[in-house]
PDB file of N, CA and C in Angstrom:
ATOM      1  N   MET A   1      12.615   2.697  25.811  1.00  0.00           N
ATOM      2  CA  MET A   1      12.569   3.151  24.430  1.00  0.00           C
ATOM      3  C   MET A   1      12.389   4.667  24.438  1.00  0.00           C
ATOM      4  N   LYS A   2      13.096   5.331  23.566  1.00  0.00           N
ATOM      5  CA  LYS A   2      12.987   6.774  23.444  1.00  0.00           C
ATOM      6  C   LYS A   2      12.259   7.107  22.161  1.00  0.00           C
ATOM      7  N   GLY A   3      11.057   7.625  22.268  1.00  0.00           N
ATOM      8  CA  GLY A   3      10.305   8.022  21.086  1.00  0.00           C
ATOM      9  C   GLY A   3       9.752   6.849  20.301  1.00  0.00           C
ATOM     10  N   PHE A   4       9.094   7.198  19.218  1.00  0.00           N
ATOM     11  CA  PHE A   4       8.450   6.211  18.363  1.00  0.00           C
ATOM     12  C   PHE A   4       9.517   5.453  17.572  1.00  0.00           C
ATOM     13  N   PRO A   5       9.423   4.121  17.470  1.00  0.00           N
ATOM     14  CA  PRO A   5      10.449   3.349  16.766  1.00  0.00           C
ATOM     15  C   PRO A   5      10.505   3.681  15.274  1.00  0.00           C
ATOM     16  N   LYS A   6      11.726   3.670  14.741  1.00  0.00           N
ATOM     17  CA  LYS A   6      11.921   3.955  13.323  1.00  0.00           C
ATOM     18  C   LYS A   6      11.597   2.741  12.453  1.00  0.00           C
ATOM     19  N   LYS A   7      11.801   1.544  12.970  1.00  0.00           N
ATOM     20  CA  LYS A   7      11.530   0.313  12.219  1.00  0.00           C
ATOM     21  C   LYS A   7      10.640  -0.606  13.036  1.00  0.00           C
ATOM     22  N   LEU A   8       9.688  -1.194  12.356  1.00  0.00           N
ATOM     23  CA  LEU A   8       8.787  -2.176  12.959  1.00  0.00           C
ATOM     24  C   LEU A   8       8.955  -3.451  12.144  1.00  0.00           C
ATOM     25  N   ASN A   9       9.540  -4.475  12.768  1.00  0.00           N
ATOM     26  CA  ASN A   9       9.921  -5.677  12.026  1.00  0.00           C
ATOM     27  C   ASN A   9       9.091  -6.914  12.331  1.00  0.00           C
ATOM     28  N   SER A  10       8.280  -6.873  13.361  1.00  0.00           N
ATOM     29  CA  SER A  10       7.524  -8.064  13.737  1.00  0.00           C
ATOM     30  C   SER A  10       6.102  -7.682  14.134  1.00  0.00           C
ATOM     31  N   ARG A  11       5.271  -8.686  14.211  1.00  0.00           N
ATOM     32  CA  ARG A  11       3.902  -8.461  14.671  1.00  0.00           C
ATOM     33  C   ARG A  11       3.912  -7.878  16.080  1.00  0.00           C
ATOM     34  N   GLU A  12       4.826  -8.376  16.902  1.00  0.00           N
ATOM     35  CA  GLU A  12       4.939  -7.897  18.279  1.00  0.00           C
ATOM     36  C   GLU A  12       5.308  -6.414  18.314  1.00  0.00           C
ATOM     37  N   ASP A  13       6.167  -5.981  17.386  1.00  0.00           N
ATOM     38  CA  ASP A  13       6.522  -4.561  17.322  1.00  0.00           C
ATOM     39  C   ASP A  13       5.272  -3.711  17.105  1.00  0.00           C
ATOM     40  N   TYR A  14       4.409  -4.146  16.199  1.00  0.00           N
ATOM     41  CA  TYR A  14       3.180  -3.402  15.923  1.00  0.00           C
ATOM     42  C   TYR A  14       2.246  -3.422  17.128  1.00  0.00           C
ATOM     43  N   GLU A  15       2.113  -4.568  17.749  1.00  0.00           N
ATOM     44  CA  GLU A  15       1.244  -4.661  18.925  1.00  0.00           C
ATOM     45  C   GLU A  15       1.792  -3.816  20.070  1.00  0.00           C
ATOM     46  N   ASN A  16       3.112  -3.767  20.210  1.00  0.00           N
ATOM     47  CA  ASN A  16       3.725  -2.993  21.288  1.00  0.00           C
ATOM     48  C   ASN A  16       3.540  -1.492  21.111  1.00  0.00           C
ATOM     49  N   ILE A  17       3.539  -1.004  19.881  1.00  0.00           N
ATOM     50  CA  ILE A  17       3.364   0.443  19.719  1.00  0.00           C
ATOM     51  C   ILE A  17       1.963   0.874  20.133  1.00  0.00           C
ATOM     52  N   VAL A  18       0.985  -0.006  19.963  1.00  0.00           N
ATOM     53  CA  VAL A  18      -0.366   0.318  20.439  1.00  0.00           C
ATOM     54  C   VAL A  18      -0.349   0.365  21.961  1.00  0.00           C
ATOM     55  N   ASP A  19       0.302  -0.617  22.602  1.00  0.00           N
ATOM     56  CA  ASP A  19       0.392  -0.644  24.059  1.00  0.00           C
ATOM     57  C   ASP A  19       1.181   0.551  24.599  1.00  0.00           C
ATOM     58  N   ASP A  20       2.270   0.899  23.928  1.00  0.00           N
ATOM     59  CA  ASP A  20       3.163   1.953  24.422  1.00  0.00           C
ATOM     60  C   ASP A  20       2.687   3.362  24.104  1.00  0.00           C
ATOM     61  N   PHE A  21       2.046   3.558  22.946  1.00  0.00           N
ATOM     62  CA  PHE A  21       1.703   4.904  22.510  1.00  0.00           C
ATOM     63  C   PHE A  21       0.202   5.144  22.394  1.00  0.00           C
ATOM     64  N   GLY A  22      -0.604   4.106  22.576  1.00  0.00           N
ATOM     65  CA  GLY A  22      -2.043   4.272  22.416  1.00  0.00           C
ATOM     66  C   GLY A  22      -2.409   4.429  20.946  1.00  0.00           C
ATOM     67  N   TYR A  23      -3.568   4.970  20.737  1.00  0.00           N
ATOM     68  CA  TYR A  23      -4.065   5.133  19.359  1.00  0.00           C
ATOM     69  C   TYR A  23      -3.794   6.565  18.906  1.00  0.00           C
ATOM     70  N   CYS A  24      -2.559   6.826  18.562  1.00  0.00           N
ATOM     71  CA  CYS A  24      -2.140   8.169  18.168  1.00  0.00           C
ATOM     72  C   CYS A  24      -1.882   8.233  16.665  1.00  0.00           C
ATOM     73  N   LYS A  25      -1.505   9.403  16.210  1.00  0.00           N
ATOM     74  CA  LYS A  25      -1.253   9.642  14.789  1.00  0.00           C
ATOM     75  C   LYS A  25      -0.173   8.712  14.235  1.00  0.00           C
ATOM     76  N   GLU A  26       0.926   8.541  14.976  1.00  0.00           N
ATOM     77  CA  GLU A  26       2.034   7.705  14.498  1.00  0.00           C
ATOM     78  C   GLU A  26       1.620   6.242  14.367  1.00  0.00           C
ATOM     79  N   VAL A  27       0.825   5.761  15.305  1.00  0.00           N
ATOM     80  CA  VAL A  27       0.350   4.376  15.259  1.00  0.00           C
ATOM     81  C   VAL A  27      -0.558   4.198  14.047  1.00  0.00           C
ATOM     82  N   LYS A  28      -1.447   5.154  13.839  1.00  0.00           N
ATOM     83  CA  LYS A  28      -2.344   5.084  12.680  1.00  0.00           C
ATOM     84  C   LYS A  28      -1.548   5.054  11.383  1.00  0.00           C
ATOM     85  N   GLU A  29      -0.530   5.899  11.268  1.00  0.00           N
ATOM     86  CA  GLU A  29       0.293   5.943  10.053  1.00  0.00           C
ATOM     87  C   GLU A  29       1.039   4.627   9.840  1.00  0.00           C
ATOM     88  N   ALA A  30       1.548   4.040  10.921  1.00  0.00           N
ATOM     89  CA  ALA A  30       2.279   2.770  10.813  1.00  0.00           C
ATOM     90  C   ALA A  30       1.344   1.651  10.346  1.00  0.00           C
ATOM     91  N   TYR A  31       0.163   1.591  10.916  1.00  0.00           N
ATOM     92  CA  TYR A  31      -0.791   0.553  10.526  1.00  0.00           C
ATOM     93  C   TYR A  31      -1.349   0.811   9.123  1.00  0.00           C
ATOM     94  N   GLN A  32      -1.514   2.083   8.740  1.00  0.00           N
ATOM     95  CA  GLN A  32      -1.988   2.393   7.386  1.00  0.00           C
ATOM     96  C   GLN A  32      -0.945   1.966   6.356  1.00  0.00           C
ATOM     97  N   ALA A  33       0.335   2.182   6.654  1.00  0.00           N
ATOM     98  CA  ALA A  33       1.399   1.748   5.746  1.00  0.00           C
ATOM     99  C   ALA A  33       1.387   0.229   5.606  1.00  0.00           C
ATOM    100  N   LEU A  34       1.114  -0.466   6.697  1.00  0.00           N
ATOM    101  CA  LEU A  34       1.025  -1.926   6.668  1.00  0.00           C
ATOM    102  C   LEU A  34      -0.139  -2.352   5.770  1.00  0.00           C
ATOM    103  N   LEU A  35      -1.266  -1.700   5.903  1.00  0.00           N
ATOM    104  CA  LEU A  35      -2.435  -2.012   5.078  1.00  0.00           C
ATOM    105  C   LEU A  35      -2.163  -1.681   3.607  1.00  0.00           C
ATOM    106  N   ASP A  36      -1.497  -0.548   3.362  1.00  0.00           N
ATOM    107  CA  ASP A  36      -1.194  -0.136   1.985  1.00  0.00           C
ATOM    108  C   ASP A  36      -0.248  -1.116   1.296  1.00  0.00           C
ATOM    109  N   SER A  37       0.571  -1.821   2.076  1.00  0.00           N
ATOM    110  CA  SER A  37       1.516  -2.769   1.470  1.00  0.00           C
ATOM    111  C   SER A  37       0.816  -4.002   0.907  1.00  0.00           C
ATOM    112  N   ASN A  38      -0.453  -4.177   1.245  1.00  0.00           N
ATOM    113  CA  ASN A  38      -1.167  -5.386   0.855  1.00  0.00           C
ATOM    114  C   ASN A  38      -1.602  -5.401  -0.609  1.00  0.00           C
ATOM    115  N   LYS A  39      -1.559  -4.259  -1.263  1.00  0.00           N
ATOM    116  CA  LYS A  39      -1.911  -4.176  -2.674  1.00  0.00           C
ATOM    117  C   LYS A  39      -0.833  -3.379  -3.391  1.00  0.00           C
ATOM    118  N   HIS A  40      -0.646  -3.675  -4.671  1.00  0.00           N
ATOM    119  CA  HIS A  40       0.287  -2.905  -5.482  1.00  0.00           C
ATOM    120  C   HIS A  40      -0.151  -2.939  -6.943  1.00  0.00           C
ATOM    121  N   TYR A  41       0.393  -2.000  -7.712  1.00  0.00           N
ATOM    122  CA  TYR A  41       0.057  -1.915  -9.123  1.00  0.00           C
ATOM    123  C   TYR A  41       1.009  -2.765  -9.946  1.00  0.00           C
ATOM    124  N   VAL A  42       0.442  -3.470 -10.927  1.00  0.00           N
ATOM    125  CA  VAL A  42       1.239  -4.245 -11.881  1.00  0.00           C
ATOM    126  C   VAL A  42       0.820  -3.836 -13.295  1.00  0.00           C
ATOM    127  N   PHE A  43       1.760  -3.961 -14.218  1.00  0.00           N
ATOM    128  CA  PHE A  43       1.469  -3.631 -15.611  1.00  0.00           C
ATOM    129  C   PHE A  43       0.306  -4.477 -16.108  1.00  0.00           C
ATOM    130  N   ASP A  44      -0.642  -3.821 -16.770  1.00  0.00           N
ATOM    131  CA  ASP A  44      -1.793  -4.528 -17.324  1.00  0.00           C
ATOM    132  C   ASP A  44      -1.704  -4.569 -18.846  1.00  0.00           C
ATOM    133  N   LYS A  45      -1.605  -3.388 -19.473  1.00  0.00           N
ATOM    134  CA  LYS A  45      -1.501  -3.366 -20.936  1.00  0.00           C
ATOM    135  C   LYS A  45      -1.157  -1.969 -21.422  1.00  0.00           C
ATOM    136  N   GLU A  46      -0.721  -1.914 -22.674  1.00  0.00           N
ATOM    137  CA  GLU A  46      -0.455  -0.637 -23.320  1.00  0.00           C
ATOM    138  C   GLU A  46      -1.750  -0.184 -23.997  1.00  0.00           C
ATOM    139  N   LEU A  47      -2.008   1.126 -23.950  1.00  0.00           N
ATOM    140  CA  LEU A  47      -3.235   1.691 -24.517  1.00  0.00           C
ATOM    141  C   LEU A  47      -2.909   2.598 -25.697  1.00  0.00           C
ATOM    142  N   ALA A  48      -3.845   2.708 -26.629  1.00  0.00           N
ATOM    143  CA  ALA A  48      -3.682   3.631 -27.748  1.00  0.00           C
ATOM    144  C   ALA A  48      -3.986   5.060 -27.297  1.00  0.00           C
ATOM    145  N   SER A  49      -4.911   5.201 -26.306  1.00  0.00           N
ATOM    146  CA  SER A  49      -5.242   6.513 -25.757  1.00  0.00           C
ATOM    147  C   SER A  49      -5.699   6.331 -24.308  1.00  0.00           C
ATOM    148  N   GLU A  50      -5.707   7.423 -23.558  1.00  0.00           N
ATOM    149  CA  GLU A  50      -6.126   7.358 -22.155  1.00  0.00           C
ATOM    150  C   GLU A  50      -7.598   6.985 -22.026  1.00  0.00           C
ATOM    151  N   ASP A  51      -8.371   7.191 -23.076  1.00  0.00           N
ATOM    152  CA  ASP A  51      -9.802   6.885 -23.052  1.00  0.00           C
ATOM    153  C   ASP A  51     -10.087   5.386 -23.078  1.00  0.00           C
ATOM    154  N   GLU A  52      -9.098   4.569 -23.354  1.00  0.00           N
ATOM    155  CA  GLU A  52      -9.290   3.115 -23.425  1.00  0.00           C
ATOM    156  C   GLU A  52      -9.151   2.426 -22.075  1.00  0.00           C
ATOM    157  N   ARG A  53      -9.138   3.183 -21.016  1.00  0.00           N
ATOM    158  CA  ARG A  53      -9.009   2.632 -19.667  1.00  0.00           C
ATOM    159  C   ARG A  53     -10.031   1.515 -19.463  1.00  0.00           C
ATOM    160  N   THR A  54      -9.594   0.410 -18.855  1.00  0.00           N
ATOM    161  CA  THR A  54     -10.467  -0.744 -18.647  1.00  0.00           C
ATOM    162  C   THR A  54     -11.452  -0.539 -17.511  1.00  0.00           C
ATOM    163  N   GLY A  55     -11.030   0.141 -16.450  1.00  0.00           N
ATOM    164  CA  GLY A  55     -11.887   0.333 -15.289  1.00  0.00           C
ATOM    165  C   GLY A  55     -11.547   1.621 -14.563  1.00  0.00           C
ATOM    166  N   PRO A  56     -12.305   1.927 -13.507  1.00  0.00           N
ATOM    167  CA  PRO A  56     -12.123   3.189 -12.791  1.00  0.00           C
ATOM    168  C   PRO A  56     -10.919   3.169 -11.842  1.00  0.00           C
ATOM    169  N   ALA A  57     -10.442   4.371 -11.516  1.00  0.00           N
ATOM    170  CA  ALA A  57      -9.421   4.519 -10.472  1.00  0.00           C
ATOM    171  C   ALA A  57     -10.107   4.234  -9.142  1.00  0.00           C
ATOM    172  N   PRO A  58      -9.458   3.732  -8.149  1.00  0.00           N
ATOM    173  CA  PRO A  58      -8.041   3.400  -8.053  1.00  0.00           C
ATOM    174  C   PRO A  58      -7.707   1.990  -8.518  1.00  0.00           C
ATOM    175  N   ASP A  59      -8.699   1.228  -8.988  1.00  0.00           N
ATOM    176  CA  ASP A  59      -8.414  -0.141  -9.433  1.00  0.00           C
ATOM    177  C   ASP A  59      -7.503  -0.170 -10.660  1.00  0.00           C
ATOM    178  N   TYR A  60      -7.572   0.872 -11.466  1.00  0.00           N
ATOM    179  CA  TYR A  60      -6.726   0.981 -12.655  1.00  0.00           C
ATOM    180  C   TYR A  60      -6.085   2.358 -12.668  1.00  0.00           C
ATOM    181  N   LYS A  61      -4.833   2.388 -13.068  1.00  0.00           N
ATOM    182  CA  LYS A  61      -4.100   3.651 -13.155  1.00  0.00           C
ATOM    183  C   LYS A  61      -3.490   3.737 -14.545  1.00  0.00           C
ATOM    184  N   VAL A  62      -3.682   4.877 -15.211  1.00  0.00           N
ATOM    185  CA  VAL A  62      -3.141   5.090 -16.547  1.00  0.00           C
ATOM    186  C   VAL A  62      -2.029   6.135 -16.448  1.00  0.00           C
ATOM    187  N   MET A  63      -0.899   5.819 -17.086  1.00  0.00           N
ATOM    188  CA  MET A  63       0.248   6.729 -17.044  1.00  0.00           C
ATOM    189  C   MET A  63       0.880   6.856 -18.420  1.00  0.00           C
ATOM    190  N   LYS A  64       1.475   8.008 -18.649  1.00  0.00           N
ATOM    191  CA  LYS A  64       2.287   8.206 -19.850  1.00  0.00           C
ATOM    192  C   LYS A  64       3.731   7.946 -19.449  1.00  0.00           C
ATOM    193  N   GLU A  65       4.417   7.127 -20.240  1.00  0.00           N
ATOM    194  CA  GLU A  65       5.805   6.789 -19.946  1.00  0.00           C
ATOM    195  C   GLU A  65       6.698   7.208 -21.100  1.00  0.00           C
ATOM    196  N   GLN A  66       7.791   7.864 -20.748  1.00  0.00           N
ATOM    197  CA  GLN A  66       8.789   8.285 -21.738  1.00  0.00           C
ATOM    198  C   GLN A  66       9.693   7.098 -22.045  1.00  0.00           C
ATOM    199  N   GLN A  67       9.868   6.808 -23.327  1.00  0.00           N
ATOM    200  CA  GLN A  67      10.719   5.711 -23.775  1.00  0.00           C
ATOM    201  C   GLN A  67      12.142   6.212 -24.023  1.00  0.00           C
ATOM    202  N   PRO A  68      13.114   5.304 -24.041  1.00  0.00           N
ATOM    203  CA  PRO A  68      14.499   5.719 -24.301  1.00  0.00           C
ATOM    204  C   PRO A  68      14.684   6.445 -25.636  1.00  0.00           C
ATOM    205  N   ASP A  69      13.843   6.120 -26.622  1.00  0.00           N
ATOM    206  CA  ASP A  69      13.961   6.777 -27.933  1.00  0.00           C
ATOM    207  C   ASP A  69      13.144   8.075 -27.996  1.00  0.00           C
ATOM    208  N   GLU A  70      12.759   8.594 -26.807  1.00  0.00           N
ATOM    209  CA  GLU A  70      12.022   9.858 -26.664  1.00  0.00           C
ATOM    210  C   GLU A  70      10.563   9.783 -27.093  1.00  0.00           C
ATOM    211  N   THR A  71      10.069   8.616 -27.460  1.00  0.00           N
ATOM    212  CA  THR A  71       8.639   8.486 -27.749  1.00  0.00           C
ATOM    213  C   THR A  71       7.906   8.271 -26.432  1.00  0.00           C
ATOM    214  N   GLU A  72       6.615   8.442 -26.485  1.00  0.00           N
ATOM    215  CA  GLU A  72       5.800   8.292 -25.288  1.00  0.00           C
ATOM    216  C   GLU A  72       4.779   7.185 -25.511  1.00  0.00           C
ATOM    217  N   ARG A  73       4.552   6.382 -24.489  1.00  0.00           N
ATOM    218  CA  ARG A  73       3.504   5.365 -24.599  1.00  0.00           C
ATOM    219  C   ARG A  73       2.576   5.508 -23.405  1.00  0.00           C
ATOM    220  N   ILE A  74       1.343   5.081 -23.593  1.00  0.00           N
ATOM    221  CA  ILE A  74       0.337   5.153 -22.546  1.00  0.00           C
ATOM    222  C   ILE A  74       0.118   3.721 -22.052  1.00  0.00           C
ATOM    223  N   VAL A  75       0.292   3.533 -20.755  1.00  0.00           N
ATOM    224  CA  VAL A  75       0.151   2.191 -20.185  1.00  0.00           C
ATOM    225  C   VAL A  75      -0.851   2.204 -19.049  1.00  0.00           C
ATOM    226  N   GLN A  76      -1.453   1.054 -18.840  1.00  0.00           N
ATOM    227  CA  GLN A  76      -2.415   0.879 -17.760  1.00  0.00           C
ATOM    228  C   GLN A  76      -1.852  -0.100 -16.749  1.00  0.00           C
ATOM    229  N   TYR A  77      -2.029   0.252 -15.479  1.00  0.00           N
ATOM    230  CA  TYR A  77      -1.629  -0.618 -14.380  1.00  0.00           C
ATOM    231  C   TYR A  77      -2.883  -1.013 -13.611  1.00  0.00           C
ATOM    232  N   LYS A  78      -2.871  -2.221 -13.064  1.00  0.00           N
ATOM    233  CA  LYS A  78      -4.010  -2.743 -12.320  1.00  0.00           C
ATOM    234  C   LYS A  78      -3.593  -2.968 -10.867  1.00  0.00           C
ATOM    235  N   LEU A  79      -4.456  -2.585  -9.933  1.00  0.00           N
ATOM    236  CA  LEU A  79      -4.210  -2.780  -8.515  1.00  0.00           C
ATOM    237  C   LEU A  79      -4.576  -4.214  -8.134  1.00  0.00           C
ATOM    238  N   VAL A  80      -3.602  -4.970  -7.616  1.00  0.00           N
ATOM    239  CA  VAL A  80      -3.812  -6.375  -7.269  1.00  0.00           C
ATOM    240  C   VAL A  80      -3.258  -6.656  -5.875  1.00  0.00           C
ATOM    241  N   ASP A  81      -3.643  -7.801  -5.322  1.00  0.00           N
ATOM    242  CA  ASP A  81      -3.093  -8.236  -4.042  1.00  0.00           C
ATOM    243  C   ASP A  81      -1.598  -8.465  -4.178  1.00  0.00           C
ATOM    244  N   ASN A  82      -0.860  -8.070  -3.158  1.00  0.00           N
ATOM    245  CA  ASN A  82       0.582  -8.261  -3.129  1.00  0.00           C
ATOM    246  C   ASN A  82       0.886  -9.487  -2.264  1.00  0.00           C
ATOM    247  N   PRO A  83       1.258 -10.602  -2.868  1.00  0.00           N
ATOM    248  CA  PRO A  83       1.506 -11.809  -2.088  1.00  0.00           C
ATOM    249  C   PRO A  83       2.721 -11.682  -1.164  1.00  0.00           C
ATOM    250  N   ASP A  84       3.575 -10.703  -1.423  1.00  0.00           N
ATOM    251  CA  ASP A  84       4.771 -10.501  -0.605  1.00  0.00           C
ATOM    252  C   ASP A  84       4.626  -9.332   0.363  1.00  0.00           C
ATOM    253  N   SER A  85       3.403  -8.928   0.651  1.00  0.00           N
ATOM    254  CA  SER A  85       3.189  -7.755   1.498  1.00  0.00           C
ATOM    255  C   SER A  85       3.668  -8.006   2.928  1.00  0.00           C
ATOM    256  N   LYS A  86       4.048  -6.926   3.566  1.00  0.00           N
ATOM    257  CA  LYS A  86       4.475  -7.007   4.967  1.00  0.00           C
ATOM    258  C   LYS A  86       3.304  -7.451   5.844  1.00  0.00           C
ATOM    259  N   LEU A  87       2.104  -7.043   5.490  1.00  0.00           N
ATOM    260  CA  LEU A  87       0.911  -7.433   6.231  1.00  0.00           C
ATOM    261  C   LEU A  87       0.798  -8.953   6.289  1.00  0.00           C
ATOM    262  N   LYS A  88       0.941  -9.604   5.152  1.00  0.00           N
ATOM    263  CA  LYS A  88       0.852 -11.069   5.101  1.00  0.00           C
ATOM    264  C   LYS A  88       2.068 -11.714   5.779  1.00  0.00           C
ATOM    265  N   GLU A  89       3.238 -11.117   5.566  1.00  0.00           N
ATOM    266  CA  GLU A  89       4.470 -11.650   6.150  1.00  0.00           C
ATOM    267  C   GLU A  89       4.392 -11.697   7.677  1.00  0.00           C
ATOM    268  N   LEU A  90       3.752 -10.689   8.272  1.00  0.00           N
ATOM    269  CA  LEU A  90       3.657 -10.628   9.731  1.00  0.00           C
ATOM    270  C   LEU A  90       2.443 -11.357  10.287  1.00  0.00           C
ATOM    271  N   GLY A  91       1.578 -11.851   9.404  1.00  0.00           N
ATOM    272  CA  GLY A  91       0.440 -12.650   9.849  1.00  0.00           C
ATOM    273  C   GLY A  91      -0.785 -11.851  10.263  1.00  0.00           C
ATOM    274  N   PHE A  92      -0.879 -10.607   9.832  1.00  0.00           N
ATOM    275  CA  PHE A  92      -2.062  -9.797  10.115  1.00  0.00           C
ATOM    276  C   PHE A  92      -3.130 -10.048   9.064  1.00  0.00           C
ATOM    277  N   THR A  93      -4.374  -9.762   9.408  1.00  0.00           N
ATOM    278  CA  THR A  93      -5.449  -9.725   8.427  1.00  0.00           C
ATOM    279  C   THR A  93      -5.789  -8.253   8.183  1.00  0.00           C
ATOM    280  N   GLU A  94      -6.420  -7.980   7.059  1.00  0.00           N
ATOM    281  CA  GLU A  94      -6.828  -6.605   6.767  1.00  0.00           C
ATOM    282  C   GLU A  94      -7.765  -6.083   7.849  1.00  0.00           C
ATOM    283  N   ASN A  95      -8.664  -6.934   8.341  1.00  0.00           N
ATOM    284  CA  ASN A  95      -9.619  -6.510   9.369  1.00  0.00           C
ATOM    285  C   ASN A  95      -8.920  -6.124  10.666  1.00  0.00           C
ATOM    286  N   GLU A  96      -7.915  -6.898  11.077  1.00  0.00           N
ATOM    287  CA  GLU A  96      -7.180  -6.576  12.306  1.00  0.00           C
ATOM    288  C   GLU A  96      -6.515  -5.199  12.205  1.00  0.00           C
ATOM    289  N   VAL A  97      -5.896  -4.954  11.083  1.00  0.00           N
ATOM    290  CA  VAL A  97      -5.204  -3.684  10.889  1.00  0.00           C
ATOM    291  C   VAL A  97      -6.212  -2.547  10.787  1.00  0.00           C
ATOM    292  N   GLN A  98      -7.303  -2.758  10.074  1.00  0.00           N
ATOM    293  CA  GLN A  98      -8.316  -1.722   9.920  1.00  0.00           C
ATOM    294  C   GLN A  98      -8.947  -1.357  11.269  1.00  0.00           C
ATOM    295  N   GLU A  99      -9.119  -2.312  12.155  1.00  0.00           N
ATOM    296  CA  GLU A  99      -9.671  -2.038  13.491  1.00  0.00           C
ATOM    297  C   GLU A  99      -8.789  -1.062  14.252  1.00  0.00           C
ATOM    298  N   VAL A 100      -7.473  -1.249  14.188  1.00  0.00           N
ATOM    299  CA  VAL A 100      -6.560  -0.338  14.874  1.00  0.00           C
ATOM    300  C   VAL A 100      -6.653   1.050  14.242  1.00  0.00           C
ATOM    301  N   ILE A 101      -6.661   1.105  12.917  1.00  0.00           N
ATOM    302  CA  ILE A 101      -6.750   2.403  12.224  1.00  0.00           C
ATOM    303  C   ILE A 101      -8.031   3.122  12.623  1.00  0.00           C
ATOM    304  N   ASP A 102      -9.134   2.396  12.692  1.00  0.00           N
ATOM    305  CA  ASP A 102     -10.423   3.010  13.024  1.00  0.00           C
ATOM    306  C   ASP A 102     -10.471   3.537  14.448  1.00  0.00           C
ATOM    307  N   GLN A 103      -9.683   2.955  15.345  1.00  0.00           N
ATOM    308  CA  GLN A 103      -9.659   3.394  16.727  1.00  0.00           C
ATOM    309  C   GLN A 103      -8.807   4.639  16.946  1.00  0.00           C
ATOM    310  N   CYS A 104      -7.977   4.961  15.981  1.00  0.00           N
ATOM    311  CA  CYS A 104      -7.101   6.145  16.124  1.00  0.00           C
ATOM    312  C   CYS A 104      -7.847   7.424  15.832  1.00  0.00           C
TER     313      CYS A 104
END
């Protein structure tokens, strides 16, 4: 193999980069991306003002969105588990991935 792989498609690919490259910056970034895939934001509700936020960041994110008719609306998104995450697809647990990140 020449250099760090561009795509990691299996659990074995992730385990091999630790064996091949040790606990370096690239390995940490790859495992952090895997961990980040485990949660995502979903629409929660529309707000009358930004002050109506239900909870603190990063669990809730408030954004202004431009509508096709040029009006603006304020919406809240909630951070939730992603059932289709690559982490779950490859059979990792959050703890396994976090251990590798902590060792880098």
